[in-house]
Amino acid sequence: TPHGEAERVIEYALFAIYLVFVVDYVLRLSFAQPRAKSF
């Protein structure tokens, strides 16, 4: 349970990691055929 700056850095890092996984999902969905079934 960090506080202050450490807490903020961890939150930003976790958000960036979430974005990595969202981008990965979108890319995989764009490659999939048929897309609706993969979604």
Full PDB file with SEQRES, HELIX, SHEET, SSBOND, CRYST1, ORIGX, SCALE, CONECT and MASTER records, all heavy atoms in Angstrom:
SEQRES   1 A   39  THR PRO HIS GLY GLU ALA GLU ARG VAL ILE GLU TYR ALA          
SEQRES   2 A   39  LEU PHE ALA ILE TYR LEU VAL PHE VAL VAL ASP TYR VAL          
SEQRES   3 A   39  LEU ARG LEU SER PHE ALA GLN PRO ARG ALA LYS SER PHE          
HELIX    1 AA1 GLU A    5  PHE A   31  1                                  27    
HELIX    2 AA2 ARG A   35  SER A   38  1                                   4    
CRYST1    1.000    1.000    1.000  90.00  90.00  90.00 P 1           1          
ORIGX1      1.000000  0.000000  0.000000        0.00000                         
ORIGX2      0.000000  1.000000  0.000000        0.00000                         
ORIGX3      0.000000  0.000000  1.000000        0.00000                         
SCALE1      1.000000  0.000000  0.000000        0.00000                         
SCALE2      0.000000  1.000000  0.000000        0.00000                         
SCALE3      0.000000  0.000000  1.000000        0.00000                         
ATOM      1  N   THR A   1       0.813  -1.214   0.000  1.00  0.00           N  
ATOM      2  CA  THR A   1       0.000   0.000   0.000  1.00  0.00           C  
ATOM      3  C   THR A   1       0.854   1.275   0.000  1.00  0.00           C  
ATOM      4  O   THR A   1       0.907   2.000   0.996  1.00  0.00           O  
ATOM      5  CB  THR A   1      -0.987   0.024   1.178  1.00  0.00           C  
ATOM      6  OG1 THR A   1      -0.264  -0.084   2.393  1.00  0.00           O  
ATOM      7  CG2 THR A   1      -2.016  -1.069   1.065  1.00  0.00           C  
ATOM      8  N   PRO A   2       1.543   1.534  -1.106  1.00  0.00           N  
ATOM      9  CA  PRO A   2       2.390   2.730  -1.175  1.00  0.00           C  
ATOM     10  C   PRO A   2       1.547   4.007  -1.138  1.00  0.00           C  
ATOM     11  O   PRO A   2       0.354   3.994  -1.441  1.00  0.00           O  
ATOM     12  CB  PRO A   2       3.108   2.579  -2.509  1.00  0.00           C  
ATOM     13  CG  PRO A   2       2.207   1.721  -3.314  1.00  0.00           C  
ATOM     14  CD  PRO A   2       1.522   0.805  -2.357  1.00  0.00           C  
ATOM     15  N   HIS A   3       2.193   5.104  -0.764  1.00  0.00           N  
ATOM     16  CA  HIS A   3       1.521   6.403  -0.695  1.00  0.00           C  
ATOM     17  C   HIS A   3       2.351   7.434  -1.451  1.00  0.00           C  
ATOM     18  O   HIS A   3       3.534   7.243  -1.685  1.00  0.00           O  
ATOM     19  CB  HIS A   3       1.359   6.839   0.764  1.00  0.00           C  
ATOM     20  CG  HIS A   3       0.534   5.888   1.558  1.00  0.00           C  
ATOM     21  ND1 HIS A   3      -0.823   5.781   1.417  1.00  0.00           N  
ATOM     22  CD2 HIS A   3       0.883   4.967   2.493  1.00  0.00           C  
ATOM     23  CE1 HIS A   3      -1.282   4.849   2.238  1.00  0.00           C  
ATOM     24  NE2 HIS A   3      -0.257   4.341   2.902  1.00  0.00           N  
ATOM     25  N   GLY A   4       1.710   8.523  -1.800  1.00  0.00           N  
ATOM     26  CA  GLY A   4       2.409   9.639  -2.428  1.00  0.00           C  
ATOM     27  C   GLY A   4       2.871   9.324  -3.830  1.00  0.00           C  
ATOM     28  O   GLY A   4       2.139   8.753  -4.636  1.00  0.00           O  
ATOM     29  N   GLU A   5       4.103   9.713  -4.109  1.00  0.00           N  
ATOM     30  CA  GLU A   5       4.663   9.579  -5.455  1.00  0.00           C  
ATOM     31  C   GLU A   5       4.758   8.123  -5.892  1.00  0.00           C  
ATOM     32  O   GLU A   5       4.503   7.799  -7.057  1.00  0.00           O  
ATOM     33  CB  GLU A   5       6.048  10.239  -5.502  1.00  0.00           C  
ATOM     34  CG  GLU A   5       6.628  10.337  -6.894  1.00  0.00           C  
ATOM     35  CD  GLU A   5       5.857  11.271  -7.806  1.00  0.00           C  
ATOM     36  OE1 GLU A   5       5.189  12.200  -7.310  1.00  0.00           O  
ATOM     37  OE2 GLU A   5       5.932  11.067  -9.029  1.00  0.00           O  
ATOM     38  N   ALA A   6       5.103   7.230  -5.000  1.00  0.00           N  
ATOM     39  CA  ALA A   6       5.219   5.809  -5.342  1.00  0.00           C  
ATOM     40  C   ALA A   6       3.873   5.253  -5.801  1.00  0.00           C  
ATOM     41  O   ALA A   6       3.803   4.500  -6.773  1.00  0.00           O  
ATOM     42  CB  ALA A   6       5.747   5.015  -4.163  1.00  0.00           C  
ATOM     43  N   GLU A   7       2.822   5.644  -5.114  1.00  0.00           N  
ATOM     44  CA  GLU A   7       1.483   5.191  -5.490  1.00  0.00           C  
ATOM     45  C   GLU A   7       1.119   5.688  -6.891  1.00  0.00           C  
ATOM     46  O   GLU A   7       0.586   4.943  -7.713  1.00  0.00           O  
ATOM     47  CB  GLU A   7       0.449   5.679  -4.481  1.00  0.00           C  
ATOM     48  CG  GLU A   7      -0.964   5.258  -4.812  1.00  0.00           C  
ATOM     49  CD  GLU A   7      -1.960   5.806  -3.817  1.00  0.00           C  
ATOM     50  OE1 GLU A   7      -1.661   6.819  -3.138  1.00  0.00           O  
ATOM     51  OE2 GLU A   7      -3.044   5.230  -3.731  1.00  0.00           O  
ATOM     52  N   ARG A   8       1.443   6.932  -7.160  1.00  0.00           N  
ATOM     53  CA  ARG A   8       1.131   7.534  -8.457  1.00  0.00           C  
ATOM     54  C   ARG A   8       1.916   6.836  -9.586  1.00  0.00           C  
ATOM     55  O   ARG A   8       1.369   6.536 -10.626  1.00  0.00           O  
ATOM     56  CB  ARG A   8       1.438   9.031  -8.419  1.00  0.00           C  
ATOM     57  CG  ARG A   8       0.857   9.814  -9.546  1.00  0.00           C  
ATOM     58  CD  ARG A   8       0.932  11.331  -9.397  1.00  0.00           C  
ATOM     59  NE  ARG A   8       1.785  11.875  -8.353  1.00  0.00           N  
ATOM     60  CZ  ARG A   8       1.375  12.231  -7.125  1.00  0.00           C  
ATOM     61  NH1 ARG A   8       0.112  12.064  -6.789  1.00  0.00           N  
ATOM     62  NH2 ARG A   8       2.210  12.738  -6.250  1.00  0.00           N  
ATOM     63  N   VAL A   9       3.190   6.560  -9.348  1.00  0.00           N  
ATOM     64  CA  VAL A   9       4.015   5.879 -10.349  1.00  0.00           C  
ATOM     65  C   VAL A   9       3.470   4.483 -10.639  1.00  0.00           C  
ATOM     66  O   VAL A   9       3.378   4.069 -11.800  1.00  0.00           O  
ATOM     67  CB  VAL A   9       5.486   5.807  -9.884  1.00  0.00           C  
ATOM     68  CG1 VAL A   9       6.298   4.870 -10.756  1.00  0.00           C  
ATOM     69  CG2 VAL A   9       6.102   7.199  -9.869  1.00  0.00           C  
ATOM     70  N   ILE A  10       3.075   3.764  -9.603  1.00  0.00           N  
ATOM     71  CA  ILE A  10       2.526   2.421  -9.798  1.00  0.00           C  
ATOM     72  C   ILE A  10       1.216   2.486 -10.572  1.00  0.00           C  
ATOM     73  O   ILE A  10       0.973   1.675 -11.469  1.00  0.00           O  
ATOM     74  CB  ILE A  10       2.355   1.703  -8.444  1.00  0.00           C  
ATOM     75  CG1 ILE A  10       3.740   1.356  -7.886  1.00  0.00           C  
ATOM     76  CG2 ILE A  10       1.491   0.461  -8.569  1.00  0.00           C  
ATOM     77  CD1 ILE A  10       3.717   0.804  -6.486  1.00  0.00           C  
ATOM     78  N   GLU A  11       0.362   3.447 -10.251  1.00  0.00           N  
ATOM     79  CA  GLU A  11      -0.901   3.584 -10.970  1.00  0.00           C  
ATOM     80  C   GLU A  11      -0.678   3.882 -12.453  1.00  0.00           C  
ATOM     81  O   GLU A  11      -1.339   3.304 -13.314  1.00  0.00           O  
ATOM     82  CB  GLU A  11      -1.770   4.683 -10.338  1.00  0.00           C  
ATOM     83  CG  GLU A  11      -2.323   4.306  -8.993  1.00  0.00           C  
ATOM     84  CD  GLU A  11      -3.235   3.099  -9.033  1.00  0.00           C  
ATOM     85  OE1 GLU A  11      -4.021   2.940  -9.992  1.00  0.00           O  
ATOM     86  OE2 GLU A  11      -3.148   2.294  -8.090  1.00  0.00           O  
ATOM     87  N   TYR A  12       0.251   4.783 -12.761  1.00  0.00           N  
ATOM     88  CA  TYR A  12       0.558   5.085 -14.164  1.00  0.00           C  
ATOM     89  C   TYR A  12       1.129   3.865 -14.875  1.00  0.00           C  
ATOM     90  O   TYR A  12       0.801   3.590 -16.028  1.00  0.00           O  
ATOM     91  CB  TYR A  12       1.523   6.262 -14.278  1.00  0.00           C  
ATOM     92  CG  TYR A  12       0.904   7.601 -13.964  1.00  0.00           C  
ATOM     93  CD1 TYR A  12       1.614   8.553 -13.255  1.00  0.00           C  
ATOM     94  CD2 TYR A  12      -0.385   7.915 -14.366  1.00  0.00           C  
ATOM     95  CE1 TYR A  12       1.062   9.789 -12.955  1.00  0.00           C  
ATOM     96  CE2 TYR A  12      -0.949   9.142 -14.062  1.00  0.00           C  
ATOM     97  CZ  TYR A  12      -0.214  10.080 -13.362  1.00  0.00           C  
ATOM     98  OH  TYR A  12      -0.773  11.288 -13.068  1.00  0.00           O  
ATOM     99  N   ALA A  13       1.997   3.123 -14.211  1.00  0.00           N  
ATOM    100  CA  ALA A  13       2.588   1.929 -14.811  1.00  0.00           C  
ATOM    101  C   ALA A  13       1.520   0.872 -15.072  1.00  0.00           C  
ATOM    102  O   ALA A  13       1.508   0.243 -16.141  1.00  0.00           O  
ATOM    103  CB  ALA A  13       3.681   1.376 -13.910  1.00  0.00           C  
ATOM    104  N   LEU A  14       0.612   0.674 -14.120  1.00  0.00           N  
ATOM    105  CA  LEU A  14      -0.476  -0.288 -14.324  1.00  0.00           C  
ATOM    106  C   LEU A  14      -1.381   0.142 -15.471  1.00  0.00           C  
ATOM    107  O   LEU A  14      -1.812  -0.691 -16.278  1.00  0.00           O  
ATOM    108  CB  LEU A  14      -1.282  -0.469 -13.034  1.00  0.00           C  
ATOM    109  CG  LEU A  14      -0.590  -1.247 -11.926  1.00  0.00           C  
ATOM    110  CD1 LEU A  14      -1.415  -1.190 -10.644  1.00  0.00           C  
ATOM    111  CD2 LEU A  14      -0.337  -2.672 -12.338  1.00  0.00           C  
ATOM    112  N   PHE A  15      -1.652   1.426 -15.572  1.00  0.00           N  
ATOM    113  CA  PHE A  15      -2.472   1.924 -16.675  1.00  0.00           C  
ATOM    114  C   PHE A  15      -1.777   1.674 -18.013  1.00  0.00           C  
ATOM    115  O   PHE A  15      -2.418   1.252 -18.981  1.00  0.00           O  
ATOM    116  CB  PHE A  15      -2.765   3.423 -16.491  1.00  0.00           C  
ATOM    117  CG  PHE A  15      -3.636   3.981 -17.568  1.00  0.00           C  
ATOM    118  CD1 PHE A  15      -4.990   3.702 -17.598  1.00  0.00           C  
ATOM    119  CD2 PHE A  15      -3.101   4.781 -18.562  1.00  0.00           C  
ATOM    120  CE1 PHE A  15      -5.803   4.214 -18.603  1.00  0.00           C  
ATOM    121  CE2 PHE A  15      -3.899   5.296 -19.563  1.00  0.00           C  
ATOM    122  CZ  PHE A  15      -5.256   5.014 -19.578  1.00  0.00           C  
ATOM    123  N   ALA A  16      -0.473   1.912 -18.075  1.00  0.00           N  
ATOM    124  CA  ALA A  16       0.285   1.667 -19.309  1.00  0.00           C  
ATOM    125  C   ALA A  16       0.242   0.190 -19.672  1.00  0.00           C  
ATOM    126  O   ALA A  16       0.109  -0.169 -20.854  1.00  0.00           O  
ATOM    127  CB  ALA A  16       1.722   2.144 -19.138  1.00  0.00           C  
ATOM    128  N   ILE A  17       0.324  -0.673 -18.676  1.00  0.00           N  
ATOM    129  CA  ILE A  17       0.254  -2.113 -18.943  1.00  0.00           C  
ATOM    130  C   ILE A  17      -1.131  -2.495 -19.444  1.00  0.00           C  
ATOM    131  O   ILE A  17      -1.265  -3.299 -20.375  1.00  0.00           O  
ATOM    132  CB  ILE A  17       0.652  -2.904 -17.680  1.00  0.00           C  
ATOM    133  CG1 ILE A  17       2.152  -2.737 -17.429  1.00  0.00           C  
ATOM    134  CG2 ILE A  17       0.284  -4.367 -17.820  1.00  0.00           C  
ATOM    135  CD1 ILE A  17       2.624  -3.301 -16.109  1.00  0.00           C  
ATOM    136  N   TYR A  18      -2.178  -1.912 -18.866  1.00  0.00           N  
ATOM    137  CA  TYR A  18      -3.521  -2.159 -19.381  1.00  0.00           C  
ATOM    138  C   TYR A  18      -3.607  -1.772 -20.857  1.00  0.00           C  
ATOM    139  O   TYR A  18      -4.195  -2.481 -21.670  1.00  0.00           O  
ATOM    140  CB  TYR A  18      -4.579  -1.363 -18.600  1.00  0.00           C  
ATOM    141  CG  TYR A  18      -4.834  -1.823 -17.196  1.00  0.00           C  
ATOM    142  CD1 TYR A  18      -5.003  -0.899 -16.175  1.00  0.00           C  
ATOM    143  CD2 TYR A  18      -4.924  -3.162 -16.867  1.00  0.00           C  
ATOM    144  CE1 TYR A  18      -5.253  -1.297 -14.878  1.00  0.00           C  
ATOM    145  CE2 TYR A  18      -5.175  -3.578 -15.566  1.00  0.00           C  
ATOM    146  CZ  TYR A  18      -5.334  -2.640 -14.585  1.00  0.00           C  
ATOM    147  OH  TYR A  18      -5.583  -3.037 -13.300  1.00  0.00           O  
ATOM    148  N   LEU A  19      -3.018  -0.639 -21.202  1.00  0.00           N  
ATOM    149  CA  LEU A  19      -3.041  -0.198 -22.596  1.00  0.00           C  
ATOM    150  C   LEU A  19      -2.314  -1.176 -23.508  1.00  0.00           C  
ATOM    151  O   LEU A  19      -2.763  -1.423 -24.636  1.00  0.00           O  
ATOM    152  CB  LEU A  19      -2.433   1.197 -22.733  1.00  0.00           C  
ATOM    153  CG  LEU A  19      -3.278   2.345 -22.199  1.00  0.00           C  
ATOM    154  CD1 LEU A  19      -2.538   3.670 -22.377  1.00  0.00           C  
ATOM    155  CD2 LEU A  19      -4.621   2.389 -22.886  1.00  0.00           C  
ATOM    156  N   VAL A  20      -1.213  -1.738 -23.044  1.00  0.00           N  
ATOM    157  CA  VAL A  20      -0.491  -2.741 -23.844  1.00  0.00           C  
ATOM    158  C   VAL A  20      -1.412  -3.914 -24.147  1.00  0.00           C  
ATOM    159  O   VAL A  20      -1.485  -4.378 -25.295  1.00  0.00           O  
ATOM    160  CB  VAL A  20       0.782  -3.220 -23.104  1.00  0.00           C  
ATOM    161  CG1 VAL A  20       1.369  -4.460 -23.778  1.00  0.00           C  
ATOM    162  CG2 VAL A  20       1.813  -2.107 -23.050  1.00  0.00           C  
ATOM    163  N   PHE A  21      -2.147  -4.375 -23.168  1.00  0.00           N  
ATOM    164  CA  PHE A  21      -3.036  -5.510 -23.388  1.00  0.00           C  
ATOM    165  C   PHE A  21      -4.242  -5.133 -24.260  1.00  0.00           C  
ATOM    166  O   PHE A  21      -4.715  -5.965 -25.040  1.00  0.00           O  
ATOM    167  CB  PHE A  21      -3.478  -6.124 -22.065  1.00  0.00           C  
ATOM    168  CG  PHE A  21      -2.392  -6.907 -21.394  1.00  0.00           C  
ATOM    169  CD1 PHE A  21      -1.941  -6.544 -20.143  1.00  0.00           C  
ATOM    170  CD2 PHE A  21      -1.791  -7.989 -22.016  1.00  0.00           C  
ATOM    171  CE1 PHE A  21      -0.933  -7.255 -19.520  1.00  0.00           C  
ATOM    172  CE2 PHE A  21      -0.779  -8.704 -21.409  1.00  0.00           C  
ATOM    173  CZ  PHE A  21      -0.349  -8.343 -20.158  1.00  0.00           C  
ATOM    174  N   VAL A  22      -4.720  -3.931 -24.151  1.00  0.00           N  
ATOM    175  CA  VAL A  22      -5.817  -3.489 -25.030  1.00  0.00           C  
ATOM    176  C   VAL A  22      -5.333  -3.426 -26.481  1.00  0.00           C  
ATOM    177  O   VAL A  22      -6.023  -3.897 -27.393  1.00  0.00           O  
ATOM    178  CB  VAL A  22      -6.378  -2.123 -24.568  1.00  0.00           C  
ATOM    179  CG1 VAL A  22      -7.275  -1.510 -25.625  1.00  0.00           C  
ATOM    180  CG2 VAL A  22      -7.119  -2.279 -23.253  1.00  0.00           C  
ATOM    181  N   VAL A  23      -4.150  -2.879 -26.698  1.00  0.00           N  
ATOM    182  CA  VAL A  23      -3.592  -2.814 -28.052  1.00  0.00           C  
ATOM    183  C   VAL A  23      -3.380  -4.226 -28.593  1.00  0.00           C  
ATOM    184  O   VAL A  23      -3.694  -4.511 -29.750  1.00  0.00           O  
ATOM    185  CB  VAL A  23      -2.278  -2.002 -28.075  1.00  0.00           C  
ATOM    186  CG1 VAL A  23      -1.537  -2.162 -29.382  1.00  0.00           C  
ATOM    187  CG2 VAL A  23      -2.569  -0.537 -27.791  1.00  0.00           C  
ATOM    188  N   ASP A  24      -2.875  -5.122 -27.765  1.00  0.00           N  
ATOM    189  CA  ASP A  24      -2.687  -6.512 -28.185  1.00  0.00           C  
ATOM    190  C   ASP A  24      -4.023  -7.124 -28.598  1.00  0.00           C  
ATOM    191  O   ASP A  24      -4.118  -7.776 -29.630  1.00  0.00           O  
ATOM    192  CB  ASP A  24      -2.047  -7.320 -27.060  1.00  0.00           C  
ATOM    193  CG  ASP A  24      -1.935  -8.788 -27.396  1.00  0.00           C  
ATOM    194  OD1 ASP A  24      -1.234  -9.125 -28.384  1.00  0.00           O  
ATOM    195  OD2 ASP A  24      -2.532  -9.613 -26.674  1.00  0.00           O  
ATOM    196  N   TYR A  25      -5.065  -6.908 -27.805  1.00  0.00           N  
ATOM    197  CA  TYR A  25      -6.385  -7.460 -28.117  1.00  0.00           C  
ATOM    198  C   TYR A  25      -6.910  -6.911 -29.441  1.00  0.00           C  
ATOM    199  O   TYR A  25      -7.411  -7.665 -30.275  1.00  0.00           O  
ATOM    200  CB  TYR A  25      -7.372  -7.152 -26.990  1.00  0.00           C  
ATOM    201  CG  TYR A  25      -8.739  -7.711 -27.251  1.00  0.00           C  
ATOM    202  CD1 TYR A  25      -8.996  -9.051 -27.064  1.00  0.00           C  
ATOM    203  CD2 TYR A  25      -9.768  -6.890 -27.714  1.00  0.00           C  
ATOM    204  CE1 TYR A  25     -10.249  -9.573 -27.319  1.00  0.00           C  
ATOM    205  CE2 TYR A  25     -11.018  -7.411 -27.974  1.00  0.00           C  
ATOM    206  CZ  TYR A  25     -11.253  -8.757 -27.770  1.00  0.00           C  
ATOM    207  OH  TYR A  25     -12.493  -9.273 -28.043  1.00  0.00           O  
ATOM    208  N   VAL A  26      -6.771  -5.613 -29.638  1.00  0.00           N  
ATOM    209  CA  VAL A  26      -7.261  -4.994 -30.870  1.00  0.00           C  
ATOM    210  C   VAL A  26      -6.498  -5.537 -32.085  1.00  0.00           C  
ATOM    211  O   VAL A  26      -7.107  -5.833 -33.122  1.00  0.00           O  
ATOM    212  CB  VAL A  26      -7.168  -3.455 -30.787  1.00  0.00           C  
ATOM    213  CG1 VAL A  26      -7.416  -2.807 -32.128  1.00  0.00           C  
ATOM    214  CG2 VAL A  26      -8.147  -2.930 -29.743  1.00  0.00           C  
ATOM    215  N   LEU A  27      -5.192  -5.688 -31.952  1.00  0.00           N  
ATOM    216  CA  LEU A  27      -4.407  -6.238 -33.061  1.00  0.00           C  
ATOM    217  C   LEU A  27      -4.801  -7.673 -33.354  1.00  0.00           C  
ATOM    218  O   LEU A  27      -4.955  -8.054 -34.525  1.00  0.00           O  
ATOM    219  CB  LEU A  27      -2.914  -6.142 -32.758  1.00  0.00           C  
ATOM    220  CG  LEU A  27      -2.326  -4.744 -32.846  1.00  0.00           C  
ATOM    221  CD1 LEU A  27      -0.891  -4.743 -32.348  1.00  0.00           C  
ATOM    222  CD2 LEU A  27      -2.396  -4.219 -34.267  1.00  0.00           C  
ATOM    223  N   ARG A  28      -4.964  -8.476 -32.322  1.00  0.00           N  
ATOM    224  CA  ARG A  28      -5.383  -9.860 -32.545  1.00  0.00           C  
ATOM    225  C   ARG A  28      -6.758  -9.912 -33.190  1.00  0.00           C  
ATOM    226  O   ARG A  28      -7.009 -10.745 -34.059  1.00  0.00           O  
ATOM    227  CB  ARG A  28      -5.403 -10.636 -31.234  1.00  0.00           C  
ATOM    228  CG  ARG A  28      -4.034 -10.945 -30.711  1.00  0.00           C  
ATOM    229  CD  ARG A  28      -4.133 -11.589 -29.329  1.00  0.00           C  
ATOM    230  NE  ARG A  28      -2.847 -11.738 -28.736  1.00  0.00           N  
ATOM    231  CZ  ARG A  28      -2.103 -12.841 -28.824  1.00  0.00           C  
ATOM    232  NH1 ARG A  28      -2.553 -13.880 -29.480  1.00  0.00           N  
ATOM    233  NH2 ARG A  28      -0.924 -12.887 -28.259  1.00  0.00           N  
ATOM    234  N   LEU A  29      -7.640  -9.043 -32.776  1.00  0.00           N  
ATOM    235  CA  LEU A  29      -8.976  -8.992 -33.369  1.00  0.00           C  
ATOM    236  C   LEU A  29      -8.910  -8.578 -34.825  1.00  0.00           C  
ATOM    237  O   LEU A  29      -9.640  -9.109 -35.663  1.00  0.00           O  
ATOM    238  CB  LEU A  29      -9.861  -8.029 -32.576  1.00  0.00           C  
ATOM    239  CG  LEU A  29     -11.334  -7.990 -32.952  1.00  0.00           C  
ATOM    240  CD1 LEU A  29     -11.973  -9.353 -32.748  1.00  0.00           C  
ATOM    241  CD2 LEU A  29     -12.049  -6.941 -32.114  1.00  0.00           C  
ATOM    242  N   SER A  30      -8.012  -7.660 -35.153  1.00  0.00           N  
ATOM    243  CA  SER A  30      -7.904  -7.222 -36.549  1.00  0.00           C  
ATOM    244  C   SER A  30      -7.356  -8.325 -37.448  1.00  0.00           C  
ATOM    245  O   SER A  30      -7.661  -8.372 -38.633  1.00  0.00           O  
ATOM    246  CB  SER A  30      -7.021  -5.975 -36.649  1.00  0.00           C  
ATOM    247  OG  SER A  30      -5.676  -6.310 -36.411  1.00  0.00           O  
ATOM    248  N   PHE A  31      -6.547  -9.244 -36.900  1.00  0.00           N  
ATOM    249  CA  PHE A  31      -6.011 -10.355 -37.686  1.00  0.00           C  
ATOM    250  C   PHE A  31      -6.993 -11.515 -37.798  1.00  0.00           C  
ATOM    251  O   PHE A  31      -6.875 -12.340 -38.700  1.00  0.00           O  
ATOM    252  CB  PHE A  31      -4.713 -10.892 -37.069  1.00  0.00           C  
ATOM    253  CG  PHE A  31      -3.574  -9.918 -37.107  1.00  0.00           C  
ATOM    254  CD1 PHE A  31      -2.688  -9.846 -36.048  1.00  0.00           C  
ATOM    255  CD2 PHE A  31      -3.362  -9.076 -38.180  1.00  0.00           C  
ATOM    256  CE1 PHE A  31      -1.620  -8.964 -36.062  1.00  0.00           C  
ATOM    257  CE2 PHE A  31      -2.308  -8.190 -38.205  1.00  0.00           C  
ATOM    258  CZ  PHE A  31      -1.433  -8.132 -37.145  1.00  0.00           C  
ATOM    259  N   ALA A  32      -7.922 -11.623 -36.876  1.00  0.00           N  
ATOM    260  CA  ALA A  32      -8.812 -12.779 -36.804  1.00  0.00           C  
ATOM    261  C   ALA A  32      -9.845 -12.769 -37.927  1.00  0.00           C  
ATOM    262  O   ALA A  32     -10.305 -11.723 -38.354  1.00  0.00           O  
ATOM    263  CB  ALA A  32      -9.515 -12.795 -35.458  1.00  0.00           C  
ATOM    264  N   GLN A  33     -10.185 -13.964 -38.346  1.00  0.00           N  
ATOM    265  CA  GLN A  33     -11.242 -14.137 -39.338  1.00  0.00           C  
ATOM    266  C   GLN A  33     -12.152 -15.245 -38.848  1.00  0.00           C  
ATOM    267  O   GLN A  33     -11.657 -16.320 -38.548  1.00  0.00           O  
ATOM    268  CB  GLN A  33     -10.660 -14.495 -40.701  1.00  0.00           C  
ATOM    269  CG  GLN A  33      -9.835 -13.418 -41.331  1.00  0.00           C  
ATOM    270  CD  GLN A  33     -10.657 -12.187 -41.678  1.00  0.00           C  
ATOM    271  OE1 GLN A  33     -11.851 -12.290 -41.962  1.00  0.00           O  
ATOM    272  NE2 GLN A  33     -10.036 -11.023 -41.627  1.00  0.00           N  
ATOM    273  N   PRO A  34     -13.407 -15.149 -38.771  1.00  0.00           N  
ATOM    274  CA  PRO A  34     -14.215 -13.939 -38.814  1.00  0.00           C  
ATOM    275  C   PRO A  34     -14.093 -13.160 -37.505  1.00  0.00           C  
ATOM    276  O   PRO A  34     -13.971 -13.731 -36.435  1.00  0.00           O  
ATOM    277  CB  PRO A  34     -15.625 -14.458 -39.014  1.00  0.00           C  
ATOM    278  CG  PRO A  34     -15.617 -15.812 -38.400  1.00  0.00           C  
ATOM    279  CD  PRO A  34     -14.222 -16.350 -38.591  1.00  0.00           C  
ATOM    280  N   ARG A  35     -14.127 -11.866 -37.625  1.00  0.00           N  
ATOM    281  CA  ARG A  35     -13.899 -10.997 -36.470  1.00  0.00           C  
ATOM    282  C   ARG A  35     -14.990 -11.100 -35.410  1.00  0.00           C  
ATOM    283  O   ARG A  35     -14.709 -11.101 -34.226  1.00  0.00           O  
ATOM    284  CB  ARG A  35     -13.747  -9.549 -36.925  1.00  0.00           C  
ATOM    285  CG  ARG A  35     -12.423  -9.313 -37.573  1.00  0.00           C  
ATOM    286  CD  ARG A  35     -12.207  -7.847 -37.892  1.00  0.00           C  
ATOM    287  NE  ARG A  35     -10.930  -7.706 -38.550  1.00  0.00           N  
ATOM    288  CZ  ARG A  35     -10.779  -7.673 -39.863  1.00  0.00           C  
ATOM    289  NH1 ARG A  35     -11.824  -7.737 -40.641  1.00  0.00           N  
ATOM    290  NH2 ARG A  35      -9.582  -7.555 -40.385  1.00  0.00           N  
ATOM    291  N   ALA A  36     -16.230 -11.163 -35.830  1.00  0.00           N  
ATOM    292  CA  ALA A  36     -17.333 -11.192 -34.868  1.00  0.00           C  
ATOM    293  C   ALA A  36     -17.230 -12.423 -33.964  1.00  0.00           C  
ATOM    294  O   ALA A  36     -17.417 -12.318 -32.758  1.00  0.00           O  
ATOM    295  CB  ALA A  36     -18.665 -11.182 -35.586  1.00  0.00           C  
ATOM    296  N   LYS A  37     -16.896 -13.563 -34.529  1.00  0.00           N  
ATOM    297  CA  LYS A  37     -16.754 -14.784 -33.721  1.00  0.00           C  
ATOM    298  C   LYS A  37     -15.591 -14.632 -32.743  1.00  0.00           C  
ATOM    299  O   LYS A  37     -15.697 -15.033 -31.588  1.00  0.00           O  
ATOM    300  CB  LYS A  37     -16.524 -15.975 -34.637  1.00  0.00           C  
ATOM    301  CG  LYS A  37     -16.428 -17.282 -33.899  1.00  0.00           C  
ATOM    302  CD  LYS A  37     -16.209 -18.431 -34.866  1.00  0.00           C  
ATOM    303  CE  LYS A  37     -16.014 -19.720 -34.101  1.00  0.00           C  
ATOM    304  NZ  LYS A  37     -15.665 -20.820 -34.984  1.00  0.00           N  
ATOM    305  N   SER A  38     -14.496 -14.040 -33.166  1.00  0.00           N  
ATOM    306  CA  SER A  38     -13.334 -13.854 -32.294  1.00  0.00           C  
ATOM    307  C   SER A  38     -13.629 -12.845 -31.201  1.00  0.00           C  
ATOM    308  O   SER A  38     -13.133 -12.973 -30.087  1.00  0.00           O  
ATOM    309  CB  SER A  38     -12.139 -13.382 -33.107  1.00  0.00           C  
ATOM    310  OG  SER A  38     -11.782 -14.349 -34.055  1.00  0.00           O  
ATOM    311  N   PHE A  39     -14.426 -11.833 -31.521  1.00  0.00           N  
ATOM    312  CA  PHE A  39     -14.748 -10.814 -30.537  1.00  0.00           C  
ATOM    313  C   PHE A  39     -15.521 -11.378 -29.362  1.00  0.00           C  
ATOM    314  O   PHE A  39     -15.280 -11.034 -28.220  1.00  0.00           O  
ATOM    315  CB  PHE A  39     -15.550  -9.695 -31.207  1.00  0.00           C  
ATOM    316  CG  PHE A  39     -15.904  -8.568 -30.276  1.00  0.00           C  
ATOM    317  CD1 PHE A  39     -14.954  -7.654 -29.890  1.00  0.00           C  
ATOM    318  CD2 PHE A  39     -17.188  -8.446 -29.777  1.00  0.00           C  
ATOM    319  CE1 PHE A  39     -15.264  -6.606 -29.029  1.00  0.00           C  
ATOM    320  CE2 PHE A  39     -17.518  -7.421 -28.929  1.00  0.00           C  
ATOM    321  CZ  PHE A  39     -16.558  -6.493 -28.553  1.00  0.00           C  
TER     322      PHE A  39                                                      
MASTER        0    0    0    2    0    0    0    6  321    1    0    3          
END                                                                             
